[in-house]
Amino acid sequence: MPFDPKTLSYATTHEWVHVEDEAGKKIATVGLSDFALKALTDLVHIELPPPGRQVKAGTPFGEVESVKAVSDLYSPVDGEVVEANTLIAENLETLDQDPYGAGWLVKIRISDDAGLAKLLSYPAYKEQCEREA
């Protein structure tokens, strides 16, 4: 299921988003970009929300801890968490090895499309990363 990073949308906080239509509902698969993971290095813990949790675009839904720091994970969209990738909590290497595939974090049933318009395209996100590097 790996996604091509060039086809994804990105939050300025380094989460990537892939939106699919499932039975008339938009489901956003959310992960953390390769750029963010390289900046964090040496992950030791991740905390993800349980299914059913309501999330709001731009607000934290969990956190990732590395040997350097604890960083919030931000929801790129408004909606309800329908699935959390609990397997990565036990196998954090998956995030580094496959950030755009098996390393996805959560799936969110989108309740308001407005947040999608605020996301960056791949070229715009790449530009942001170059500025931050």
Protein backbone atom coordinates (compact mmCIF):
# COMPACT_ATOMS: atom_id res chain seq x y z
CA MET A 1 0.00 0.00 0.00
CA PRO A 2 2.93 2.45 -0.12
CA PHE A 3 1.87 5.87 -1.39
CA ASP A 4 3.98 7.92 -3.77
CA PRO A 5 5.09 10.98 -1.74
CA LYS A 6 4.61 13.13 -4.87
CA THR A 7 0.87 12.37 -4.90
CA LEU A 8 0.22 13.22 -1.24
CA SER A 9 -0.79 16.44 0.48
CA TYR A 10 1.18 17.76 3.45
CA ALA A 11 0.59 19.79 6.59
CA THR A 12 3.19 22.42 7.46
CA THR A 13 3.80 20.32 10.61
CA HIS A 14 5.12 17.43 8.39
CA GLU A 15 2.16 15.05 8.41
CA TRP A 16 1.23 13.60 5.02
CA VAL A 17 -2.36 12.92 3.93
CA HIS A 18 -3.92 10.57 1.41
CA VAL A 19 -7.69 10.91 0.93
CA GLU A 20 -9.91 8.11 -0.33
CA ASP A 21 -13.64 7.89 -0.81
CA GLU A 22 -15.13 4.93 1.08
CA ALA A 23 -18.87 4.45 0.69
CA GLY A 24 -19.46 8.18 0.25
CA LYS A 25 -17.27 9.16 3.21
CA LYS A 26 -13.83 10.70 2.81
CA ILE A 27 -11.16 8.83 4.77
CA ALA A 28 -7.77 10.46 5.30
CA THR A 29 -4.78 8.20 5.91
CA VAL A 30 -2.21 10.24 7.84
CA GLY A 31 1.48 9.60 8.35
CA LEU A 32 4.69 11.42 9.19
CA SER A 33 6.97 12.53 6.36
CA ASP A 34 10.41 11.10 5.76
CA PHE A 35 11.83 14.62 6.30
CA ALA A 36 10.31 14.79 9.81
CA LEU A 37 11.47 11.27 10.70
CA LYS A 38 15.05 12.04 9.64
CA ALA A 39 14.96 15.19 11.79
CA LEU A 40 13.64 13.28 14.83
CA THR A 41 16.05 10.30 14.64
CA ASP A 42 16.08 7.37 17.06
CA LEU A 43 12.40 7.03 17.96
CA VAL A 44 11.65 5.46 21.33
CA HIS A 45 7.85 5.85 21.75
CA ILE A 46 4.69 6.87 19.92
CA GLU A 47 1.26 7.66 21.28
CA LEU A 48 -1.76 7.45 18.95
CA PRO A 49 -5.42 8.22 19.64
CA PRO A 50 -8.02 5.46 20.00
CA PRO A 51 -10.72 5.01 17.35
CA GLY A 52 -13.70 7.24 18.07
CA ARG A 53 -11.60 10.26 19.13
CA GLN A 54 -12.66 13.51 17.46
CA VAL A 55 -9.75 15.49 16.01
CA LYS A 56 -9.49 19.02 14.72
CA ALA A 57 -7.17 20.27 11.98
CA GLY A 58 -4.07 21.89 13.43
CA THR A 59 -4.43 20.37 16.90
CA PRO A 60 -2.37 17.50 18.37
CA PHE A 61 -3.77 13.96 18.21
CA GLY A 62 -0.74 12.17 19.60
CA GLU A 63 2.98 12.39 20.09
CA VAL A 64 6.21 10.83 19.00
CA GLU A 65 9.24 10.64 21.25
CA SER A 66 12.83 10.37 20.11
CA VAL A 67 16.05 10.40 22.10
CA LYS A 68 16.20 14.14 21.26
CA ALA A 69 12.69 15.38 22.05
CA VAL A 70 8.96 14.75 22.32
CA SER A 71 7.01 16.12 19.35
CA ASP A 72 3.27 16.51 18.90
CA LEU A 73 1.54 14.86 15.95
CA TYR A 74 -1.02 17.23 14.43
CA SER A 75 -4.23 16.35 12.67
CA PRO A 76 -4.31 17.78 9.16
CA VAL A 77 -8.14 17.47 8.99
CA ASP A 78 -11.29 17.65 11.12
CA GLY A 79 -13.00 14.34 11.80
CA GLU A 80 -13.12 11.11 13.75
CA VAL A 81 -10.29 8.61 14.11
CA VAL A 82 -11.56 5.35 12.64
CA GLU A 83 -8.31 3.39 12.93
CA ALA A 84 -4.90 3.78 14.56
CA ASN A 85 -1.87 1.82 13.40
CA THR A 86 -1.16 0.09 16.73
CA LEU A 87 1.47 -2.17 15.11
CA ILE A 88 3.97 0.70 14.81
CA ALA A 89 3.90 1.28 18.58
CA GLU A 90 5.54 -2.14 18.98
CA ASN A 91 7.76 -1.75 15.91
CA LEU A 92 8.90 1.87 15.58
CA GLU A 93 11.45 0.94 12.89
CA THR A 94 8.50 0.61 10.50
CA LEU A 95 8.12 4.40 10.58
CA ASP A 96 11.68 4.91 9.31
CA GLN A 97 11.66 1.95 6.93
CA ASP A 98 8.28 2.60 5.28
CA PRO A 99 6.91 6.07 6.21
CA TYR A 100 4.55 6.18 3.20
CA GLY A 101 3.27 2.63 3.56
CA ALA A 102 3.20 0.40 6.63
CA GLY A 103 4.28 3.41 8.74
CA TRP A 104 0.94 5.23 8.45
CA LEU A 105 -0.36 6.57 11.78
CA VAL A 106 -4.15 7.02 11.73
CA LYS A 107 -7.18 6.97 9.46
CA ILE A 108 -9.65 9.79 9.97
CA ARG A 109 -13.22 10.04 8.66
CA ILE A 110 -13.26 13.65 7.46
CA SER A 111 -16.14 15.74 8.80
CA ASP A 112 -15.19 19.01 7.09
CA ASP A 113 -13.34 19.28 3.78
CA ALA A 114 -12.15 22.84 4.53
CA GLY A 115 -8.94 21.61 6.12
CA LEU A 116 -7.87 19.94 2.87
CA ALA A 117 -7.55 23.32 1.12
CA LYS A 118 -4.89 24.37 3.65
CA LEU A 119 -2.59 21.44 2.88
CA LEU A 120 0.52 21.78 0.75
CA SER A 121 1.25 20.06 -2.55
CA TYR A 122 4.43 17.99 -2.81
CA PRO A 123 6.43 20.78 -4.55
CA ALA A 124 5.33 23.35 -1.94
CA TYR A 125 6.14 20.96 0.91
CA LYS A 126 9.54 20.14 -0.60
CA GLU A 127 10.26 23.88 -0.73
CA GLN A 128 9.31 24.23 2.95
CA CYS A 129 11.66 21.36 3.87
CA GLU A 130 14.52 22.96 1.95
CA ARG A 131 13.98 26.21 3.89
CA GLU A 132 13.99 24.31 7.19
CA ALA A 133 17.04 22.16 6.38
